Amino acid sequence: MFTQLNPTLPVHVLERGDAYAIGVIDYGQEHNLIWVTVLNETGEVWCAPNPMVRFGKNWTMGRKEHHLVTQSKRREREPAGTAGLCDTCTETARA
């Protein structure tokens, strides 16, 4: 079943970035929900499985940013080829 979301929902797709969810696909009880998302940075449309999608922080709801979102955003900011390096090695690679 496909459900169009109106209004769209701001989400973070792990390893892809911030996005808006425009729909949800539900294949049934043996499957993850599939979120149809549009990435903010590139405009690409991705279908992301439920474990890869997180809502952002919301001060009024008392929801803090999920630690996986924080890690994902940190990796997005790292220069190419420095993922997984210690701080000293990353600084050396940037120089």
Protein backbone atom coordinates (compact mmCIF):
# COMPACT_ATOMS: atom_id res chain seq x y z
CA MET A 1 0.00 0.00 0.00
CA PHE A 2 1.29 3.48 -0.87
CA THR A 3 0.40 6.43 1.34
CA GLN A 4 1.16 9.96 0.16
CA LEU A 5 2.18 12.22 3.02
CA ASN A 6 0.51 15.62 3.08
CA PRO A 7 2.16 17.60 4.49
CA THR A 8 5.58 16.16 3.80
CA LEU A 9 7.74 15.32 6.82
CA PRO A 10 11.31 16.49 7.43
CA VAL A 11 13.53 13.47 8.13
CA HIS A 12 17.17 12.42 8.06
CA VAL A 13 18.12 9.41 5.94
CA LEU A 14 21.23 7.84 7.47
CA GLU A 15 24.26 8.01 5.16
CA ARG A 16 22.29 10.17 2.67
CA GLY A 17 21.36 13.38 4.50
CA ASP A 18 18.40 15.57 5.37
CA ALA A 19 15.29 14.99 3.31
CA TYR A 20 11.54 15.31 3.10
CA ALA A 21 9.42 12.18 3.21
CA ILE A 22 6.71 12.40 0.55
CA GLY A 23 5.24 8.92 0.92
CA VAL A 24 5.38 5.56 2.66
CA ILE A 25 5.16 2.12 1.07
CA ASP A 26 3.91 -0.74 3.25
CA TYR A 27 4.44 -4.21 1.77
CA GLY A 28 2.96 -5.96 4.81
CA GLN A 29 3.90 -7.44 8.12
CA GLU A 30 7.05 -9.27 6.98
CA HIS A 31 8.74 -6.14 5.60
CA ASN A 32 10.07 -2.79 6.77
CA LEU A 33 8.14 0.32 5.84
CA ILE A 34 9.77 2.04 2.87
CA TRP A 35 9.97 5.82 3.08
CA VAL A 36 9.92 7.70 -0.23
CA THR A 37 12.20 10.67 0.38
CA VAL A 38 13.60 13.64 -1.52
CA LEU A 39 17.11 14.65 -0.43
CA ASN A 40 17.46 18.36 0.37
CA GLU A 41 20.99 18.72 -0.99
CA THR A 42 20.62 17.01 -4.38
CA GLY A 43 16.91 16.60 -5.03
CA GLU A 44 17.41 12.86 -5.52
CA VAL A 45 14.49 10.60 -4.69
CA TRP A 46 15.42 7.64 -2.50
CA CYS A 47 13.30 4.82 -1.11
CA ALA A 48 14.77 4.19 2.31
CA PRO A 49 13.93 1.27 4.62
CA ASN A 50 12.47 2.20 7.98
CA PRO A 51 15.68 1.51 10.03
CA MET A 52 17.54 4.15 7.95
CA VAL A 53 15.05 7.01 8.55
CA ARG A 54 15.00 9.25 11.63
CA PHE A 55 13.03 12.32 12.57
CA GLY A 56 15.11 15.30 13.63
CA LYS A 57 15.30 16.90 17.02
CA ASN A 58 12.26 18.79 18.24
CA TRP A 59 12.65 21.11 21.18
CA THR A 60 8.91 21.46 21.88
CA MET A 61 8.48 17.66 21.94
CA GLY A 62 11.61 17.16 24.06
CA ARG A 63 13.19 14.98 21.37
CA LYS A 64 16.96 15.25 21.04
CA GLU A 65 18.91 14.45 17.90
CA HIS A 66 19.40 10.69 17.62
CA HIS A 67 23.05 9.62 17.98
CA LEU A 68 22.97 7.88 14.57
CA VAL A 69 21.89 11.16 12.93
CA THR A 70 24.76 12.98 14.66
CA GLN A 71 27.25 10.36 13.40
CA SER A 72 25.79 10.46 9.88
CA LYS A 73 26.05 14.27 9.71
CA ARG A 74 29.65 14.12 10.98
CA ARG A 75 30.56 11.65 8.22
CA GLU A 76 28.91 13.89 5.59
CA ARG A 77 31.21 16.78 6.62
CA GLU A 78 34.42 14.68 6.48
CA PRO A 79 36.65 15.16 3.45
CA ALA A 80 36.65 12.26 1.01
CA GLY A 81 38.97 9.45 2.05
CA THR A 82 39.11 10.35 5.75
CA ALA A 83 36.18 8.29 7.02
CA GLY A 84 37.18 6.12 9.95
CA LEU A 85 40.49 7.92 10.60
CA CYS A 86 41.45 9.19 14.05
CA ASP A 87 41.41 12.97 14.64
CA THR A 88 45.18 13.31 14.17
CA CYS A 89 45.16 11.41 10.86
CA THR A 90 42.14 13.36 9.64
CA GLU A 91 43.90 16.68 10.36
CA THR A 92 47.01 15.42 8.53
CA ALA A 93 44.89 14.41 5.52
CA ARG A 94 43.27 17.87 5.40
CA ALA A 95 46.67 19.62 5.35
